[in-house]
PDB file of all heavy atoms in Angstrom:
ATOM      1  N   ARG A   1     -50.324   3.232  10.953  1.00  0.00           N
ATOM      2  CA  ARG A   1     -50.567   1.791  10.802  1.00  0.00           C
ATOM      3  C   ARG A   1     -50.386   1.385   9.346  1.00  0.00           C
ATOM      4  O   ARG A   1     -50.378   2.230   8.437  1.00  0.00           O
ATOM      5  CB  ARG A   1     -51.970   1.443  11.296  1.00  0.00           C
ATOM      6  CG  ARG A   1     -52.255   1.880  12.729  1.00  0.00           C
ATOM      7  CD  ARG A   1     -53.561   1.311  13.224  1.00  0.00           C
ATOM      8  NE  ARG A   1     -53.442  -0.119  13.459  1.00  0.00           N
ATOM      9  CZ  ARG A   1     -54.486  -0.957  13.644  1.00  0.00           C
ATOM     10  NH1 ARG A   1     -55.713  -0.472  13.591  1.00  0.00           N
ATOM     11  NH2 ARG A   1     -54.301  -2.234  13.862  1.00  0.00           N
ATOM     12  N   TRP A   2     -50.256   0.079   9.119  1.00  0.00           N
ATOM     13  CA  TRP A   2     -50.127  -0.384   7.742  1.00  0.00           C
ATOM     14  C   TRP A   2     -50.916  -1.673   7.541  1.00  0.00           C
ATOM     15  O   TRP A   2     -51.187  -2.416   8.479  1.00  0.00           O
ATOM     16  CB  TRP A   2     -48.662  -0.569   7.349  1.00  0.00           C
ATOM     17  CG  TRP A   2     -47.955  -1.753   7.947  1.00  0.00           C
ATOM     18  CD1 TRP A   2     -47.393  -1.843   9.184  1.00  0.00           C
ATOM     19  CD2 TRP A   2     -47.717  -3.013   7.308  1.00  0.00           C
ATOM     20  NE1 TRP A   2     -46.817  -3.074   9.373  1.00  0.00           N
ATOM     21  CE2 TRP A   2     -46.994  -3.820   8.230  1.00  0.00           C
ATOM     22  CE3 TRP A   2     -48.030  -3.534   6.055  1.00  0.00           C
ATOM     23  CZ2 TRP A   2     -46.595  -5.119   7.926  1.00  0.00           C
ATOM     24  CZ3 TRP A   2     -47.626  -4.833   5.755  1.00  0.00           C
ATOM     25  CH2 TRP A   2     -46.917  -5.598   6.693  1.00  0.00           C
ATOM     26  N   GLY A   3     -51.308  -1.880   6.293  1.00  0.00           N
ATOM     27  CA  GLY A   3     -52.090  -3.058   5.963  1.00  0.00           C
ATOM     28  C   GLY A   3     -51.782  -3.539   4.563  1.00  0.00           C
ATOM     29  O   GLY A   3     -50.947  -2.968   3.855  1.00  0.00           O
ATOM     30  N   ILE A   4     -52.470  -4.603   4.180  1.00  0.00           N
ATOM     31  CA  ILE A   4     -52.267  -5.241   2.876  1.00  0.00           C
ATOM     32  C   ILE A   4     -53.616  -5.470   2.221  1.00  0.00           C
ATOM     33  O   ILE A   4     -54.546  -5.971   2.860  1.00  0.00           O
ATOM     34  CB  ILE A   4     -51.537  -6.591   3.028  1.00  0.00           C
ATOM     35  CG1 ILE A   4     -50.125  -6.387   3.592  1.00  0.00           C
ATOM     36  CG2 ILE A   4     -51.482  -7.336   1.688  1.00  0.00           C
ATOM     37  CD1 ILE A   4     -49.462  -7.683   4.040  1.00  0.00           C
ATOM     38  N   SER A   5     -53.721  -5.114   0.963  1.00  0.00           N
ATOM     39  CA  SER A   5     -54.885  -5.456   0.144  1.00  0.00           C
ATOM     40  C   SER A   5     -54.372  -6.214  -1.068  1.00  0.00           C
ATOM     41  O   SER A   5     -53.641  -5.660  -1.890  1.00  0.00           O
ATOM     42  CB  SER A   5     -55.634  -4.196  -0.293  1.00  0.00           C
ATOM     43  OG  SER A   5     -56.775  -4.540  -1.058  1.00  0.00           O
ATOM     44  N   THR A   6     -54.733  -7.479  -1.170  1.00  0.00           N
ATOM     45  CA  THR A   6     -54.184  -8.344  -2.204  1.00  0.00           C
ATOM     46  C   THR A   6     -55.274  -9.176  -2.860  1.00  0.00           C
ATOM     47  O   THR A   6     -56.292  -9.474  -2.238  1.00  0.00           O
ATOM     48  CB  THR A   6     -53.105  -9.282  -1.610  1.00  0.00           C
ATOM     49  OG1 THR A   6     -52.625 -10.169  -2.622  1.00  0.00           O
ATOM     50  CG2 THR A   6     -53.667 -10.108  -0.456  1.00  0.00           C
ATOM     51  N   ASN A   7     -55.047  -9.547  -4.119  1.00  0.00           N
ATOM     52  CA  ASN A   7     -55.932 -10.506  -4.779  1.00  0.00           C
ATOM     53  C   ASN A   7     -55.434 -11.934  -4.608  1.00  0.00           C
ATOM     54  O   ASN A   7     -55.951 -12.855  -5.231  1.00  0.00           O
ATOM     55  CB  ASN A   7     -56.067 -10.162  -6.269  1.00  0.00           C
ATOM     56  CG  ASN A   7     -57.085  -9.050  -6.511  1.00  0.00           C
ATOM     57  OD1 ASN A   7     -57.709  -8.553  -5.577  1.00  0.00           O
ATOM     58  ND2 ASN A   7     -57.252  -8.664  -7.757  1.00  0.00           N
ATOM     59  N   LYS A   8     -54.448 -12.112  -3.753  1.00  0.00           N
ATOM     60  CA  LYS A   8     -53.937 -13.449  -3.418  1.00  0.00           C
ATOM     61  C   LYS A   8     -54.870 -14.073  -2.386  1.00  0.00           C
ATOM     62  O   LYS A   8     -55.161 -13.447  -1.357  1.00  0.00           O
ATOM     63  CB  LYS A   8     -52.527 -13.317  -2.833  1.00  0.00           C
ATOM     64  CG  LYS A   8     -51.722 -14.601  -2.733  1.00  0.00           C
ATOM     65  CD  LYS A   8     -50.412 -14.304  -2.025  1.00  0.00           C
ATOM     66  CE  LYS A   8     -49.352 -15.347  -2.293  1.00  0.00           C
ATOM     67  NZ  LYS A   8     -48.728 -15.149  -3.617  1.00  0.00           N
ATOM     68  N   PRO A   9     -55.386 -15.288  -2.616  1.00  0.00           N
ATOM     69  CA  PRO A   9     -56.287 -15.908  -1.642  1.00  0.00           C
ATOM     70  C   PRO A   9     -55.643 -16.023  -0.260  1.00  0.00           C
ATOM     71  O   PRO A   9     -54.430 -16.190  -0.126  1.00  0.00           O
ATOM     72  CB  PRO A   9     -56.563 -17.287  -2.247  1.00  0.00           C
ATOM     73  CG  PRO A   9     -56.351 -17.100  -3.717  1.00  0.00           C
ATOM     74  CD  PRO A   9     -55.221 -16.108  -3.824  1.00  0.00           C
ATOM     75  N   ALA A  10     -56.472 -15.960   0.758  1.00  0.00           N
ATOM     76  CA  ALA A  10     -55.980 -16.018   2.134  1.00  0.00           C
ATOM     77  C   ALA A  10     -55.222 -17.306   2.429  1.00  0.00           C
ATOM     78  O   ALA A  10     -54.294 -17.307   3.240  1.00  0.00           O
ATOM     79  CB  ALA A  10     -57.152 -15.867   3.101  1.00  0.00           C
ATOM     80  N   ALA A  11     -55.593 -18.398   1.769  1.00  0.00           N
ATOM     81  CA  ALA A  11     -54.927 -19.683   1.994  1.00  0.00           C
ATOM     82  C   ALA A  11     -53.440 -19.621   1.662  1.00  0.00           C
ATOM     83  O   ALA A  11     -52.656 -20.439   2.162  1.00  0.00           O
ATOM     84  CB  ALA A  11     -55.600 -20.776   1.161  1.00  0.00           C
ATOM     85  N   TYR A  12     -53.043 -18.664   0.834  1.00  0.00           N
ATOM     86  CA  TYR A  12     -51.633 -18.498   0.484  1.00  0.00           C
ATOM     87  C   TYR A  12     -51.039 -17.249   1.132  1.00  0.00           C
ATOM     88  O   TYR A  12     -49.887 -17.270   1.572  1.00  0.00           O
ATOM     89  CB  TYR A  12     -51.473 -18.421  -1.038  1.00  0.00           C
ATOM     90  CG  TYR A  12     -52.063 -19.615  -1.731  1.00  0.00           C
ATOM     91  CD1 TYR A  12     -53.316 -19.543  -2.340  1.00  0.00           C
ATOM     92  CD2 TYR A  12     -51.408 -20.841  -1.742  1.00  0.00           C
ATOM     93  CE1 TYR A  12     -53.886 -20.650  -2.954  1.00  0.00           C
ATOM     94  CE2 TYR A  12     -51.965 -21.956  -2.350  1.00  0.00           C
ATOM     95  CZ  TYR A  12     -53.200 -21.857  -2.953  1.00  0.00           C
ATOM     96  OH  TYR A  12     -53.768 -22.964  -3.543  1.00  0.00           O
ATOM     97  N   ALA A  13     -51.823 -16.179   1.212  1.00  0.00           N
ATOM     98  CA  ALA A  13     -51.305 -14.927   1.778  1.00  0.00           C
ATOM     99  C   ALA A  13     -50.977 -15.073   3.261  1.00  0.00           C
ATOM    100  O   ALA A  13     -49.927 -14.592   3.722  1.00  0.00           O
ATOM    101  CB  ALA A  13     -52.317 -13.802   1.568  1.00  0.00           C
ATOM    102  N   GLU A  14     -51.855 -15.720   4.014  1.00  0.00           N
ATOM    103  CA  GLU A  14     -51.650 -15.814   5.463  1.00  0.00           C
ATOM    104  C   GLU A  14     -50.393 -16.628   5.828  1.00  0.00           C
ATOM    105  O   GLU A  14     -49.562 -16.151   6.609  1.00  0.00           O
ATOM    106  CB  GLU A  14     -52.901 -16.372   6.127  1.00  0.00           C
ATOM    107  CG  GLU A  14     -54.069 -15.385   6.097  1.00  0.00           C
ATOM    108  CD  GLU A  14     -55.365 -15.973   6.609  1.00  0.00           C
ATOM    109  OE1 GLU A  14     -55.398 -17.197   6.910  1.00  0.00           O
ATOM    110  OE2 GLU A  14     -56.353 -15.221   6.719  1.00  0.00           O
ATOM    111  N   PRO A  15     -50.212 -17.844   5.289  1.00  0.00           N
ATOM    112  CA  PRO A  15     -48.981 -18.571   5.631  1.00  0.00           C
ATOM    113  C   PRO A  15     -47.718 -17.906   5.091  1.00  0.00           C
ATOM    114  O   PRO A  15     -46.648 -18.009   5.703  1.00  0.00           O
ATOM    115  CB  PRO A  15     -49.191 -19.963   5.017  1.00  0.00           C
ATOM    116  CG  PRO A  15     -50.284 -19.812   4.025  1.00  0.00           C
ATOM    117  CD  PRO A  15     -51.134 -18.687   4.509  1.00  0.00           C
ATOM    118  N   LEU A  16     -47.840 -17.216   3.950  1.00  0.00           N
ATOM    119  CA  LEU A  16     -46.675 -16.514   3.414  1.00  0.00           C
ATOM    120  C   LEU A  16     -46.232 -15.428   4.386  1.00  0.00           C
ATOM    121  O   LEU A  16     -45.038 -15.309   4.708  1.00  0.00           O
ATOM    122  CB  LEU A  16     -47.004 -15.905   2.050  1.00  0.00           C
ATOM    123  CG  LEU A  16     -45.907 -15.043   1.423  1.00  0.00           C
ATOM    124  CD1 LEU A  16     -44.643 -15.858   1.191  1.00  0.00           C
ATOM    125  CD2 LEU A  16     -46.393 -14.422   0.125  1.00  0.00           C
ATOM    126  N   LEU A  17     -47.178 -14.632   4.874  1.00  0.00           N
ATOM    127  CA  LEU A  17     -46.834 -13.565   5.813  1.00  0.00           C
ATOM    128  C   LEU A  17     -46.316 -14.126   7.137  1.00  0.00           C
ATOM    129  O   LEU A  17     -45.407 -13.557   7.754  1.00  0.00           O
ATOM    130  CB  LEU A  17     -48.047 -12.670   6.049  1.00  0.00           C
ATOM    131  CG  LEU A  17     -48.423 -11.774   4.868  1.00  0.00           C
ATOM    132  CD1 LEU A  17     -49.774 -11.123   5.110  1.00  0.00           C
ATOM    133  CD2 LEU A  17     -47.358 -10.713   4.622  1.00  0.00           C
ATOM    134  N   GLU A  18     -46.868 -15.250   7.548  1.00  0.00           N
ATOM    135  CA  GLU A  18     -46.378 -15.891   8.775  1.00  0.00           C
ATOM    136  C   GLU A  18     -44.935 -16.335   8.596  1.00  0.00           C
ATOM    137  O   GLU A  18     -44.106 -16.203   9.499  1.00  0.00           O
ATOM    138  CB  GLU A  18     -47.266 -17.090   9.124  1.00  0.00           C
ATOM    139  CG  GLU A  18     -46.897 -17.760  10.428  1.00  0.00           C
ATOM    140  CD  GLU A  18     -47.861 -18.875  10.796  1.00  0.00           C
ATOM    141  OE1 GLU A  18     -48.949 -18.974  10.203  1.00  0.00           O
ATOM    142  OE2 GLU A  18     -47.508 -19.663  11.704  1.00  0.00           O
ATOM    143  N   SER A  19     -44.626 -16.850   7.410  1.00  0.00           N
ATOM    144  CA  SER A  19     -43.268 -17.305   7.122  1.00  0.00           C
ATOM    145  C   SER A  19     -42.283 -16.133   7.080  1.00  0.00           C
ATOM    146  O   SER A  19     -41.179 -16.223   7.613  1.00  0.00           O
ATOM    147  CB  SER A  19     -43.252 -18.042   5.773  1.00  0.00           C
ATOM    148  OG  SER A  19     -41.942 -18.315   5.345  1.00  0.00           O
ATOM    149  N   ILE A  20     -42.695 -15.034   6.463  1.00  0.00           N
ATOM    150  CA  ILE A  20     -41.804 -13.873   6.316  1.00  0.00           C
ATOM    151  C   ILE A  20     -41.680 -13.100   7.621  1.00  0.00           C
ATOM    152  O   ILE A  20     -40.628 -12.556   7.950  1.00  0.00           O
ATOM    153  CB  ILE A  20     -42.321 -12.950   5.194  1.00  0.00           C
ATOM    154  CG1 ILE A  20     -42.333 -13.695   3.859  1.00  0.00           C
ATOM    155  CG2 ILE A  20     -41.465 -11.693   5.081  1.00  0.00           C
ATOM    156  CD1 ILE A  20     -40.989 -14.224   3.407  1.00  0.00           C
ATOM    157  N   ASN A  21     -42.789 -13.024   8.391  1.00  0.00           N
ATOM    158  CA  ASN A  21     -42.798 -12.408   9.719  1.00  0.00           C
ATOM    159  C   ASN A  21     -42.319 -10.962   9.715  1.00  0.00           C
ATOM    160  O   ASN A  21     -41.414 -10.574  10.456  1.00  0.00           O
ATOM    161  CB  ASN A  21     -41.957 -13.236  10.705  1.00  0.00           C
ATOM    162  CG  ASN A  21     -42.172 -12.792  12.144  1.00  0.00           C
ATOM    163  OD1 ASN A  21     -43.264 -12.348  12.504  1.00  0.00           O
ATOM    164  ND2 ASN A  21     -41.154 -12.930  12.963  1.00  0.00           N
ATOM    165  N   LEU A  22     -42.950 -10.142   8.867  1.00  0.00           N
ATOM    166  CA  LEU A  22     -42.633  -8.722   8.860  1.00  0.00           C
ATOM    167  C   LEU A  22     -43.024  -8.095  10.192  1.00  0.00           C
ATOM    168  O   LEU A  22     -44.086  -8.373  10.730  1.00  0.00           O
ATOM    169  CB  LEU A  22     -43.392  -8.024   7.730  1.00  0.00           C
ATOM    170  CG  LEU A  22     -42.815  -8.154   6.324  1.00  0.00           C
ATOM    171  CD1 LEU A  22     -43.833  -7.682   5.296  1.00  0.00           C
ATOM    172  CD2 LEU A  22     -41.521  -7.369   6.196  1.00  0.00           C
ATOM    173  N   GLN A  23     -42.159  -7.217  10.685  1.00  0.00           N
ATOM    174  CA  GLN A  23     -42.426  -6.513  11.940  1.00  0.00           C
ATOM    175  C   GLN A  23     -42.180  -5.022  11.751  1.00  0.00           C
ATOM    176  O   GLN A  23     -41.219  -4.641  11.089  1.00  0.00           O
ATOM    177  CB  GLN A  23     -41.534  -7.065  13.048  1.00  0.00           C
ATOM    178  CG  GLN A  23     -41.823  -8.497  13.420  1.00  0.00           C
ATOM    179  CD  GLN A  23     -43.222  -8.700  13.979  1.00  0.00           C
ATOM    180  OE1 GLN A  23     -43.736  -7.827  14.682  1.00  0.00           O
ATOM    181  NE2 GLN A  23     -43.830  -9.838  13.673  1.00  0.00           N
ATOM    182  N   PRO A  24     -43.042  -4.195  12.337  1.00  0.00           N
ATOM    183  CA  PRO A  24     -44.253  -4.529  13.089  1.00  0.00           C
ATOM    184  C   PRO A  24     -45.288  -5.180  12.170  1.00  0.00           C
ATOM    185  O   PRO A  24     -45.327  -4.885  10.978  1.00  0.00           O
ATOM    186  CB  PRO A  24     -44.739  -3.167  13.598  1.00  0.00           C
ATOM    187  CG  PRO A  24     -44.198  -2.193  12.604  1.00  0.00           C
ATOM    188  CD  PRO A  24     -42.861  -2.727  12.188  1.00  0.00           C
ATOM    189  N   ALA A  25     -46.093  -6.057  12.740  1.00  0.00           N
ATOM    190  CA  ALA A  25     -47.060  -6.811  11.950  1.00  0.00           C
ATOM    191  C   ALA A  25     -48.129  -5.892  11.364  1.00  0.00           C
ATOM    192  O   ALA A  25     -48.439  -4.840  11.924  1.00  0.00           O
ATOM    193  CB  ALA A  25     -47.714  -7.878  12.819  1.00  0.00           C
ATOM    194  N   CYS A  26     -48.692  -6.318  10.221  1.00  0.00           N
ATOM    195  CA  CYS A  26     -49.722  -5.488   9.590  1.00  0.00           C
ATOM    196  C   CYS A  26     -50.998  -5.494  10.431  1.00  0.00           C
ATOM    197  O   CYS A  26     -51.311  -6.471  11.102  1.00  0.00           O
ATOM    198  CB  CYS A  26     -50.011  -5.973   8.170  1.00  0.00           C
ATOM    199  SG  CYS A  26     -50.843  -7.548   8.024  1.00  0.00           S
ATOM    200  N   GLY A  27     -51.716  -4.397  10.347  1.00  0.00           N
ATOM    201  CA  GLY A  27     -52.951  -4.264  11.112  1.00  0.00           C
ATOM    202  C   GLY A  27     -54.175  -4.690  10.344  1.00  0.00           C
ATOM    203  O   GLY A  27     -55.278  -4.736  10.903  1.00  0.00           O
ATOM    204  N   SER A  28     -54.005  -5.007   9.053  1.00  0.00           N
ATOM    205  CA  SER A  28     -55.145  -5.396   8.227  1.00  0.00           C
ATOM    206  C   SER A  28     -54.650  -6.168   7.018  1.00  0.00           C
ATOM    207  O   SER A  28     -53.779  -5.686   6.285  1.00  0.00           O
ATOM    208  CB  SER A  28     -55.915  -4.148   7.770  1.00  0.00           C
ATOM    209  OG  SER A  28     -56.881  -4.477   6.795  1.00  0.00           O
ATOM    210  N   LEU A  29     -55.200  -7.360   6.824  1.00  0.00           N
ATOM    211  CA  LEU A  29     -54.937  -8.152   5.626  1.00  0.00           C
ATOM    212  C   LEU A  29     -56.275  -8.449   4.971  1.00  0.00           C
ATOM    213  O   LEU A  29     -57.118  -9.126   5.548  1.00  0.00           O
ATOM    214  CB  LEU A  29     -54.224  -9.460   5.966  1.00  0.00           C
ATOM    215  CG  LEU A  29     -54.107 -10.474   4.818  1.00  0.00           C
ATOM    216  CD1 LEU A  29     -53.270  -9.911   3.672  1.00  0.00           C
ATOM    217  CD2 LEU A  29     -53.529 -11.792   5.323  1.00  0.00           C
TER     218      LEU A  29
END
């Protein structure tokens, strides 16, 4: 599995990942 740990606030990280749509999707943000 893979995940993301970032200091980017969720208000920006979540829509960014939705826009990029990496697959398979991450299991943890």
